[in-house]
């Protein structure tokens, strides 16, 4: 093993597992169908974990599949994040339990501690019979399924189908998260690792709050690559050290490219992301904004050797605070596959460049280039997707971004909001001291009661656990 691979082992806390087949799915609706097909074929167990499970049409399809396998005697376990799935009705989960599905919520919002509540289960994983698995960035909802009849395309995401010994590591990863939400899996259900079935060696990287595993891994890759670093990310707001590593790579001559959403379901994140464009572009990086529906994939291609696919976005929440799950492959066909996909996405994107202002002595402005320069990349001969017609939700998101940009930028907006809030509070205390003090006292009392309720709930859970 070369020194860099050993360093990556230490950074990610994971060693390569040989003997696997890893298949890439880039169309979200196809990935959903593949997951449902895997569930329908389960004979012993279905272990399903996801940040978002909606109770819409897509969620109903999965509920039906889980219930059918549970009624057939298959052990079906579903772990969802209480915050990510907060809009899903309790009736949805009750219906699943009534059919024998074992359902758990990860860290319910009102019974988790004020610090724990910020660490969410952002992973996406399904393991069937301990033999087949899928992981990546895809959640369960109509956004990912799309609706061809209504002309609404599915979100652009990436999932990986895995068979081979790495499935045992993914099964163990599910078991650890299942235990964090309640009782652990029975010991007699632990299955031996599947036999080798292919040539791929992959690392299963479990992101744990405070351990920065994928953060250190990506930073190490950014520092080591010599030819290319192609990143696709949904919510890129990288911590300063990681951001600096991208800039340094571009300045040293590495082909750094960023594929980012042109339309985001979280407009404020897009504003923060765009705030870092100028330094990257000045350093020589290339930035592309996807013109189709929401780009939700999280992938990385490093030189011709390294590939990463998973649930981790390159932002503080994912890299430092959440539970995440990623696959890192070395010297594998996955690298070429993801590079081909990146070039295909480029053909459906607009490149963002800097343009000097003609009259005002201001920094260059961000504009969309006329077209992707074919001399920089050979786009594979694949028919481009039809021009995306934005939904009402996407148009609303674009309007929000425009309004906030006109307001003067994120930093000034936040500073101004804080200044106005403190000014209003000060004036109210001076003019109406009794009323304002009463409101603040009631707010403090309500907060104390909420914290006390959390403490009582945690003590009750601890007693129940000790009684078991």
Protein backbone atom coordinates (compact mmCIF):
# COMPACT_ATOMS: atom_id res chain seq x y z
CA UNK A 1 0.00 0.00 0.00
CA UNK A 2 1.40 3.42 -0.96
CA UNK A 3 1.81 6.15 1.68
CA UNK A 4 -1.09 8.23 0.34
CA UNK A 5 -3.54 5.33 0.58
CA UNK A 6 -2.41 4.73 4.14
CA UNK A 7 -2.91 8.42 4.94
CA UNK A 8 -6.42 8.27 3.44
CA UNK A 9 -7.17 5.21 5.60
CA UNK A 10 -6.29 7.20 8.71
CA UNK A 11 -8.14 10.33 7.61
CA UNK A 12 -11.38 8.54 6.79
CA UNK A 13 -11.20 5.80 9.42
CA UNK A 14 -11.86 3.22 6.71
CA UNK A 15 -9.75 0.75 4.77
CA UNK A 16 -10.46 -0.42 1.21
CA UNK A 17 -12.61 -3.55 0.98
CA UNK A 18 -11.78 -5.54 -2.19
CA UNK A 19 -13.95 -7.80 -4.31
CA UNK A 20 -17.05 -5.70 -5.05
CA UNK A 21 -19.19 -4.62 -7.97
CA UNK A 22 -20.24 -0.98 -7.75
CA UNK A 23 -22.88 0.27 -10.21
CA UNK A 24 -23.67 3.94 -10.72
CA UNK A 25 -27.24 5.26 -11.21
CA UNK A 26 -27.55 8.94 -12.13
CA UNK A 27 -31.30 9.17 -12.83
CA UNK A 28 -33.21 9.48 -9.59
CA UNK A 29 -36.40 7.83 -10.82
CA UNK A 30 -34.37 4.81 -11.96
CA UNK A 31 -32.67 4.66 -8.57
CA UNK A 32 -36.04 4.66 -6.80
CA UNK A 33 -37.23 1.81 -9.02
CA UNK A 34 -34.04 -0.13 -8.29
CA UNK A 35 -34.55 0.30 -4.55
CA UNK A 36 -38.15 -0.89 -4.78
CA UNK A 37 -37.03 -3.90 -6.84
CA UNK A 38 -34.45 -4.80 -4.21
CA UNK A 39 -37.04 -4.53 -1.44
CA UNK A 40 -39.54 -6.66 -3.37
CA UNK A 41 -36.92 -9.41 -3.72
CA UNK A 42 -35.97 -9.49 -0.02
CA UNK A 43 -36.19 -12.90 1.63
CA UNK A 44 -34.78 -12.31 5.14
CA UNK A 45 -34.31 -8.63 5.96
CA UNK A 46 -34.70 -5.08 4.72
CA UNK A 47 -32.72 -2.37 6.50
CA UNK A 48 -33.71 1.08 5.29
CA UNK A 49 -32.30 4.40 6.50
CA UNK A 50 -32.96 7.86 5.06
CA UNK A 51 -32.93 11.51 6.06
CA UNK A 52 -36.20 12.34 4.27
CA UNK A 53 -39.15 10.02 3.75
CA UNK A 54 -42.22 11.92 2.55
CA UNK A 55 -45.77 10.60 2.77
CA UNK A 56 -46.48 11.56 -0.85
CA UNK A 57 -47.02 9.22 -3.81
CA UNK A 58 -43.39 8.05 -3.78
CA UNK A 59 -43.47 7.51 -0.03
CA UNK A 60 -46.66 5.50 -0.44
CA UNK A 61 -44.96 3.24 -2.98
CA UNK A 62 -42.23 2.47 -0.49
CA UNK A 63 -44.72 1.99 2.36
CA UNK A 64 -46.56 -0.58 0.26
CA UNK A 65 -43.32 -2.41 -0.56
CA UNK A 66 -42.20 -2.47 3.10
CA UNK A 67 -45.61 -3.64 4.32
CA UNK A 68 -45.78 -6.45 1.75
CA UNK A 69 -42.39 -7.84 2.76
CA UNK A 70 -43.21 -7.52 6.47
CA UNK A 71 -46.44 -9.48 5.97
CA UNK A 72 -44.40 -12.13 4.15
CA UNK A 73 -42.26 -12.63 7.27
CA UNK A 74 -39.28 -10.52 6.23
CA UNK A 75 -37.74 -8.41 9.01
CA UNK A 76 -38.27 -4.85 7.77
CA UNK A 77 -36.65 -1.99 9.68
CA UNK A 78 -37.00 1.65 8.71
CA UNK A 79 -34.93 4.41 10.34
CA UNK A 80 -35.79 8.00 9.46
CA UNK A 81 -34.52 11.33 10.72
CA UNK A 82 -37.14 13.14 12.78
CA UNK A 83 -36.13 16.58 11.49
CA UNK A 84 -35.68 15.67 7.84
CA UNK A 85 -39.04 13.85 7.81
CA UNK A 86 -40.81 16.38 10.06
CA UNK A 87 -43.54 17.04 7.48
CA UNK A 88 -44.48 13.35 7.26
CA UNK A 89 -47.67 12.57 9.17
CA UNK A 90 -47.63 10.32 12.22
CA UNK A 91 -50.41 8.30 10.56
CA UNK A 92 -47.91 7.22 7.91
CA UNK A 93 -45.62 5.65 10.54
CA UNK A 94 -48.55 4.14 12.47
CA UNK A 95 -49.78 2.44 9.32
CA UNK A 96 -46.35 0.92 8.74
CA UNK A 97 -46.15 -0.37 12.31
CA UNK A 98 -49.61 -1.91 11.98
CA UNK A 99 -48.26 -4.08 9.15
CA UNK A 100 -45.29 -5.27 11.20
CA UNK A 101 -42.65 -2.83 9.99
CA UNK A 102 -40.19 -1.85 12.74
CA UNK A 103 -39.97 1.95 12.48
CA UNK A 104 -37.68 4.26 14.47
CA UNK A 105 -37.22 8.02 14.45
CA UNK A 106 -33.70 9.30 14.91
CA UNK A 107 -33.60 12.00 17.61
CA UNK A 108 -37.17 13.30 17.87
CA UNK A 109 -37.07 17.07 17.89
CA UNK A 110 -38.84 17.72 21.21
CA UNK A 111 -37.12 14.99 23.23
CA UNK A 112 -33.53 15.46 22.08
CA UNK A 113 -31.08 17.67 23.90
CA UNK A 114 -30.44 21.19 22.56
CA UNK A 115 -26.98 20.15 21.29
CA UNK A 116 -27.89 16.66 20.05
CA UNK A 117 -30.80 18.09 18.09
CA UNK A 118 -28.36 19.72 15.66
CA UNK A 119 -26.69 16.41 14.72
CA UNK A 120 -28.98 14.70 12.24
CA UNK A 121 -28.96 11.34 10.46
CA UNK A 122 -28.36 12.58 6.92
CA UNK A 123 -27.49 9.15 5.50
CA UNK A 124 -29.25 7.29 2.68
CA UNK A 125 -28.94 3.50 2.74
CA UNK A 126 -30.82 0.30 2.00
CA UNK A 127 -29.41 -3.18 2.66
CA UNK A 128 -31.34 -6.30 1.62
CA UNK A 129 -30.61 -9.77 3.05
CA UNK A 130 -27.08 -8.62 3.93
CA UNK A 131 -26.14 -9.24 0.28
CA UNK A 132 -27.08 -6.15 -1.72
CA UNK A 133 -27.02 -2.47 -0.86
CA UNK A 134 -27.61 1.01 -2.26
CA UNK A 135 -26.26 4.29 -0.93
CA UNK A 136 -25.75 7.85 -2.17
CA UNK A 137 -27.62 11.14 -1.95
CA UNK A 138 -31.20 10.25 -2.84
CA UNK A 139 -34.16 10.73 -0.47
CA UNK A 140 -37.70 9.37 -0.72
CA UNK A 141 -40.12 11.89 -2.22
CA UNK A 142 -41.83 13.01 -5.40
CA UNK A 143 -39.03 15.52 -6.05
CA UNK A 144 -36.71 12.62 -6.84
CA UNK A 145 -39.34 10.63 -8.75
CA UNK A 146 -40.56 13.42 -11.03
CA UNK A 147 -43.77 13.23 -13.02
CA UNK A 148 -43.33 12.81 -16.80
CA UNK A 149 -47.08 13.21 -17.41
CA UNK A 150 -47.01 16.64 -15.78
CA UNK A 151 -43.73 17.58 -17.48
CA UNK A 152 -41.88 17.65 -14.16
CA UNK A 153 -38.45 15.95 -14.39
CA UNK A 154 -36.87 14.22 -11.44
CA UNK A 155 -34.12 15.84 -9.42
CA UNK A 156 -30.60 15.01 -10.57
CA UNK A 157 -29.01 12.74 -7.95
CA UNK A 158 -26.55 9.84 -7.72
CA UNK A 159 -26.86 6.43 -6.09
CA UNK A 160 -24.55 3.40 -6.00
CA UNK A 161 -25.59 -0.25 -6.09
CA UNK A 162 -23.10 -2.44 -4.23
CA UNK A 163 -22.63 -6.19 -4.06
CA UNK A 164 -19.72 -7.99 -2.41
CA UNK A 165 -17.92 -7.84 0.96
CA UNK A 166 -18.50 -4.06 1.29
CA UNK A 167 -22.18 -4.80 1.89
CA UNK A 168 -21.25 -6.24 5.30
CA UNK A 169 -19.65 -2.92 6.23
CA UNK A 170 -22.78 -1.07 5.10
CA UNK A 171 -24.94 -3.48 7.13
CA UNK A 172 -22.77 -2.84 10.18
CA UNK A 173 -23.08 0.91 9.60
CA UNK A 174 -26.87 0.58 9.65
CA UNK A 175 -26.66 -1.46 12.86
CA UNK A 176 -24.73 1.27 14.63
CA UNK A 177 -27.26 3.94 13.67
CA UNK A 178 -30.16 1.65 14.61
CA UNK A 179 -28.62 1.22 18.06
CA UNK A 180 -28.28 5.00 18.46
CA UNK A 181 -32.06 5.27 18.05
CA UNK A 182 -32.98 2.41 20.42
CA UNK A 183 -32.13 -1.22 21.02
CA UNK A 184 -29.40 -2.70 18.87
CA UNK A 185 -29.97 -5.42 16.29
CA UNK A 186 -30.17 -9.00 17.63
CA UNK A 187 -26.81 -10.77 17.60
CA UNK A 188 -28.24 -13.82 15.83
CA UNK A 189 -29.14 -11.71 12.80
CA UNK A 190 -25.55 -10.86 11.94
CA UNK A 191 -24.82 -12.43 8.56
CA UNK A 192 -21.34 -13.34 7.26
CA UNK A 193 -19.78 -11.04 4.69
CA UNK A 194 -20.86 -11.85 1.12
CA UNK A 195 -18.36 -13.51 -1.20
CA UNK A 196 -16.28 -11.43 -3.57
CA UNK A 197 -18.14 -10.71 -6.78
CA UNK A 198 -16.05 -8.13 -8.65
CA UNK A 199 -12.84 -6.15 -8.96
CA UNK A 200 -13.72 -2.96 -7.06
CA UNK A 201 -12.18 -1.96 -3.74
CA UNK A 202 -14.17 0.64 -1.81
CA UNK A 203 -13.93 2.38 1.54
CA UNK A 204 -17.15 2.75 3.53
CA UNK A 205 -16.71 6.08 5.31
CA UNK A 206 -19.08 6.76 8.21
CA UNK A 207 -19.34 10.43 9.06
CA UNK A 208 -19.72 10.93 12.81
CA UNK A 209 -20.22 14.36 14.46
CA UNK A 210 -16.92 15.86 15.55
CA UNK A 211 -14.69 13.33 13.77
CA UNK A 212 -14.50 15.10 10.37
CA UNK A 213 -13.76 11.90 8.47
CA UNK A 214 -14.97 12.82 4.99
CA UNK A 215 -13.78 16.41 5.61
CA UNK A 216 -10.21 15.20 6.16
CA UNK A 217 -10.49 12.76 3.28
CA UNK A 218 -11.62 15.41 0.77
CA UNK A 219 -9.00 17.86 2.01
CA UNK A 220 -6.31 15.21 1.62
CA UNK A 221 -7.46 14.43 -1.93
CA UNK A 222 -7.55 18.12 -2.83
CA UNK A 223 -3.96 18.51 -1.62
CA UNK A 224 -2.72 15.39 -3.46
CA UNK A 225 -4.29 15.60 -6.93
CA UNK A 226 -2.09 16.76 -9.79
CA UNK A 227 -4.40 16.70 -12.82
CA UNK A 228 -8.07 17.17 -12.01
CA UNK A 229 -10.51 17.73 -9.18
CA UNK A 230 -14.13 17.64 -10.32
CA UNK A 231 -16.74 18.17 -7.62
CA UNK A 232 -20.51 17.98 -7.81
CA UNK A 233 -22.29 19.28 -4.73
CA UNK A 234 -25.80 20.38 -3.81
CA UNK A 235 -25.08 22.81 -0.95
CA UNK A 236 -21.45 23.90 -1.19
CA UNK A 237 -20.49 26.19 1.71
CA UNK A 238 -17.09 24.71 2.50
CA UNK A 239 -15.24 25.50 5.75
CA UNK A 240 -12.37 27.96 5.11
CA UNK A 241 -9.53 25.36 5.27
CA UNK A 242 -11.27 23.11 2.74
CA UNK A 243 -12.19 26.04 0.55
CA UNK A 244 -8.55 27.17 0.63
CA UNK A 245 -7.43 23.71 -0.52
CA UNK A 246 -9.65 24.04 -3.63
CA UNK A 247 -8.22 27.48 -4.36
CA UNK A 248 -4.63 26.26 -3.86
CA UNK A 249 -5.21 23.30 -6.17
CA UNK A 250 -6.53 25.59 -8.90
CA UNK A 251 -3.62 28.00 -8.51
CA UNK A 252 -1.14 25.14 -8.85
CA UNK A 253 -2.56 24.18 -12.25
CA UNK A 254 -5.00 21.43 -11.28
CA UNK A 255 -8.15 21.30 -13.41
CA UNK A 256 -10.64 22.26 -10.69
CA UNK A 257 -14.29 22.23 -11.71
CA UNK A 258 -17.40 22.73 -9.60
CA UNK A 259 -20.84 21.51 -10.69
CA UNK A 260 -23.49 23.28 -8.60
CA UNK A 261 -27.26 23.82 -8.72
CA UNK A 262 -28.56 26.62 -10.90
CA UNK A 263 -31.77 26.53 -8.89
CA UNK A 264 -31.74 25.49 -5.24
CA UNK A 265 -34.52 24.38 -2.94
CA UNK A 266 -32.72 26.36 -0.20
CA UNK A 267 -32.10 29.83 -1.71
CA UNK A 268 -30.04 31.17 1.20
CA UNK A 269 -27.48 28.39 0.72
CA UNK A 270 -27.08 29.32 -2.94
CA UNK A 271 -26.31 32.90 -1.93
CA UNK A 272 -23.55 31.73 0.41
CA UNK A 273 -22.23 29.39 -2.28
CA UNK A 274 -22.06 32.17 -4.86
CA UNK A 275 -20.19 34.31 -2.36
CA UNK A 276 -17.14 32.09 -2.90
CA UNK A 277 -17.21 32.09 -6.70
CA UNK A 278 -14.88 35.01 -7.29
CA UNK A 279 -11.86 33.66 -5.43
CA UNK A 280 -12.23 30.28 -7.10
CA UNK A 281 -12.53 31.85 -10.54
CA UNK A 282 -9.56 34.16 -9.93
CA UNK A 283 -7.53 31.07 -8.98
CA UNK A 284 -8.37 29.39 -12.29
CA UNK A 285 -11.20 27.06 -11.26
CA UNK A 286 -14.22 26.59 -13.51
CA UNK A 287 -17.76 26.76 -12.11
CA UNK A 288 -20.87 25.37 -13.75
CA UNK A 289 -24.50 25.82 -12.72
CA UNK A 290 -26.85 23.02 -13.71
CA UNK A 291 -29.77 24.28 -15.80
CA UNK A 292 -32.09 21.33 -15.18
CA UNK A 293 -34.05 20.59 -12.00
CA UNK A 294 -32.43 20.62 -8.59
CA UNK A 295 -28.94 19.09 -8.61
CA UNK A 296 -28.75 17.03 -5.41
CA UNK A 297 -25.76 14.74 -6.12
CA UNK A 298 -22.58 14.71 -4.01
CA UNK A 299 -19.60 13.30 -5.95
CA UNK A 300 -15.88 13.88 -6.41
CA UNK A 301 -13.39 12.79 -9.07
CA UNK A 302 -9.68 13.08 -8.23
CA UNK A 303 -7.17 12.58 -11.09
CA UNK A 304 -7.85 9.23 -12.79
CA UNK A 305 -7.70 7.21 -9.57
CA UNK A 306 -10.09 8.50 -6.94
CA UNK A 307 -13.88 8.71 -6.73
CA UNK A 308 -16.27 9.62 -3.93
CA UNK A 309 -20.07 9.27 -3.80
CA UNK A 310 -22.25 9.68 -0.75
CA UNK A 311 -24.56 11.75 1.39
CA UNK A 312 -22.04 14.37 2.57
CA UNK A 313 -22.39 17.89 1.24
CA UNK A 314 -19.27 20.03 1.45
CA UNK A 315 -20.55 22.31 4.20
CA UNK A 316 -20.12 22.59 7.96
CA UNK A 317 -23.36 20.80 8.79
CA UNK A 318 -22.47 17.65 6.83
CA UNK A 319 -18.73 17.61 7.45
CA UNK A 320 -18.75 18.37 11.17
CA UNK A 321 -22.24 17.96 12.60
CA UNK A 322 -24.22 15.16 10.95
CA UNK A 323 -24.08 11.41 10.61
CA UNK A 324 -23.15 10.73 6.98
CA UNK A 325 -22.22 7.81 4.74
CA UNK A 326 -19.86 7.87 1.73
CA UNK A 327 -18.09 5.43 -0.56
CA UNK A 328 -14.51 6.16 -1.68
CA UNK A 329 -13.07 4.09 -4.52
CA UNK A 330 -9.45 3.88 -5.70
CA UNK A 331 -8.18 2.73 -9.12
CA UNK A 332 -11.68 1.76 -10.16
CA UNK A 333 -13.93 2.14 -13.17
CA UNK A 334 -16.17 4.31 -11.01
CA UNK A 335 -13.75 7.21 -11.51
CA UNK A 336 -14.19 7.11 -15.28
CA UNK A 337 -17.95 6.68 -14.91
CA UNK A 338 -18.29 9.74 -12.66
CA UNK A 339 -16.04 11.77 -14.97
CA UNK A 340 -18.25 10.88 -17.94
CA UNK A 341 -21.33 11.86 -15.93
CA UNK A 342 -19.70 15.18 -15.00
CA UNK A 343 -19.06 15.97 -18.68
CA UNK A 344 -22.65 15.06 -19.51
CA UNK A 345 -23.87 17.44 -16.78
CA UNK A 346 -21.58 20.15 -18.18
CA UNK A 347 -23.46 19.95 -21.47
CA UNK A 348 -26.64 20.85 -19.57
CA UNK A 349 -25.08 23.66 -17.54
CA UNK A 350 -24.01 27.25 -17.90
CA UNK A 351 -20.47 28.20 -17.05
CA UNK A 352 -20.04 31.15 -14.69
CA UNK A 353 -17.24 33.58 -15.56
CA UNK A 354 -16.03 36.98 -14.40
CA UNK A 355 -16.69 40.03 -16.56
CA UNK A 356 -15.08 43.39 -15.92
CA UNK A 357 -17.46 46.31 -15.45
CA UNK A 358 -17.20 48.96 -18.12
CA UNK A 359 -18.07 52.10 -16.19
CA UNK A 360 -18.12 51.61 -12.44
CA UNK A 361 -14.86 50.96 -10.54
CA UNK A 362 -16.24 47.81 -8.93
CA UNK A 363 -15.04 44.19 -8.82
CA UNK A 364 -15.90 42.04 -11.88
CA UNK A 365 -19.43 40.70 -11.98
CA UNK A 366 -20.49 37.08 -12.34
CA UNK A 367 -22.07 36.27 -15.70
CA UNK A 368 -23.00 33.13 -17.60
CA UNK A 369 -20.70 32.23 -20.49
CA UNK A 370 -22.25 31.81 -23.92
CA UNK A 371 -21.59 28.06 -23.96
CA UNK A 372 -19.34 25.40 -22.54
CA UNK A 373 -16.01 25.58 -24.38
CA UNK A 374 -15.60 22.27 -26.21
CA UNK A 375 -11.84 22.66 -26.30
CA UNK A 376 -11.72 22.16 -22.53
CA UNK A 377 -13.62 18.89 -22.50
CA UNK A 378 -14.96 16.29 -24.86
CA UNK A 379 -18.60 15.82 -24.00
CA UNK A 380 -19.77 12.26 -24.55
CA UNK A 381 -22.16 11.58 -27.38
CA UNK A 382 -25.31 11.36 -25.31
CA UNK A 383 -28.48 13.25 -26.17
CA UNK A 384 -28.96 16.25 -23.89
CA UNK A 385 -31.97 16.33 -21.64
CA UNK A 386 -34.86 18.55 -22.73
CA UNK A 387 -34.82 22.11 -21.49
CA UNK A 388 -36.13 22.12 -17.94
CA UNK A 389 -39.30 24.09 -17.28
CA UNK A 390 -39.10 25.43 -13.78
CA UNK A 391 -41.84 24.53 -11.36
CA UNK A 392 -43.69 27.11 -9.26
CA UNK A 393 -41.53 26.18 -6.25
CA UNK A 394 -38.33 26.73 -8.25
CA UNK A 395 -39.56 30.06 -9.62
CA UNK A 396 -40.39 31.15 -6.09
CA UNK A 397 -36.89 30.14 -4.98
CA UNK A 398 -35.34 32.19 -7.81
CA UNK A 399 -37.46 35.19 -6.83
CA UNK A 400 -36.30 34.90 -3.25
CA UNK A 401 -32.66 34.82 -4.36
CA UNK A 402 -33.13 37.89 -6.54
CA UNK A 403 -34.83 39.87 -3.78
CA UNK A 404 -32.12 38.99 -1.28
CA UNK A 405 -29.34 39.90 -3.70
CA UNK A 406 -30.96 43.27 -4.38
CA UNK A 407 -31.11 43.87 -0.63
CA UNK A 408 -27.36 44.14 -0.59
CA UNK A 409 -25.83 40.70 -0.03
CA UNK A 410 -25.91 38.19 2.75
CA UNK A 411 -23.41 39.75 5.14
CA UNK A 412 -24.93 43.19 5.09
CA UNK A 413 -28.41 41.74 5.33
CA UNK A 414 -27.55 39.72 8.43
CA UNK A 415 -25.72 42.61 10.05
CA UNK A 416 -28.54 45.00 9.25
CA UNK A 417 -31.18 42.63 10.57
CA UNK A 418 -29.29 42.18 13.84
CA UNK A 419 -28.81 45.93 14.20
CA UNK A 420 -32.49 46.64 13.62
CA UNK A 421 -33.53 43.90 16.04
CA UNK A 422 -31.34 45.26 18.83
CA UNK A 423 -32.46 48.82 18.08
CA UNK A 424 -36.14 47.84 18.30
CA UNK A 425 -35.54 45.94 21.53
CA UNK A 426 -33.68 48.88 23.06
CA UNK A 427 -36.40 51.37 22.09
CA UNK A 428 -39.12 49.07 23.45
CA UNK A 429 -37.30 48.68 26.77
CA UNK A 430 -36.97 52.45 27.09
CA UNK A 431 -40.53 53.34 26.06
CA UNK A 432 -42.43 50.31 27.39
CA UNK A 433 -40.22 48.72 30.05
CA UNK A 434 -42.96 46.76 31.82
CA UNK A 435 -44.56 45.27 28.69
CA UNK A 436 -41.21 44.43 27.07
CA UNK A 437 -39.81 42.92 30.25
CA UNK A 438 -42.94 40.80 30.64
CA UNK A 439 -42.61 39.47 27.07
CA UNK A 440 -38.93 38.63 27.61
CA UNK A 441 -39.73 36.97 30.93
CA UNK A 442 -42.48 34.84 29.39
CA UNK A 443 -40.12 33.82 26.58
CA UNK A 444 -37.40 32.87 29.07
CA UNK A 445 -39.93 30.92 31.17
CA UNK A 446 -41.19 29.02 28.10
CA UNK A 447 -37.62 28.18 27.11
CA UNK A 448 -36.84 26.91 30.59
CA UNK A 449 -39.95 24.70 30.57
CA UNK A 450 -38.95 23.29 27.19
CA UNK A 451 -35.44 22.48 28.43
CA UNK A 452 -36.88 20.94 31.58
CA UNK A 453 -39.15 18.77 29.44
CA UNK A 454 -36.14 17.58 27.47
CA UNK A 455 -34.30 16.72 30.70
CA UNK A 456 -37.29 14.77 32.08
CA UNK A 457 -37.74 12.89 28.80
CA UNK A 458 -34.07 11.94 28.69
CA UNK A 459 -34.17 10.76 32.31
CA UNK A 460 -37.26 8.66 31.56
CA UNK A 461 -35.55 7.07 28.55
CA UNK A 462 -32.46 6.33 30.65
CA UNK A 463 -34.57 4.61 33.31
CA UNK A 464 -36.38 2.55 30.68
CA UNK A 465 -33.04 1.56 29.17
CA UNK A 466 -31.66 0.53 32.58
CA UNK A 467 -34.82 -1.49 33.26
CA UNK A 468 -34.24 -3.48 30.10
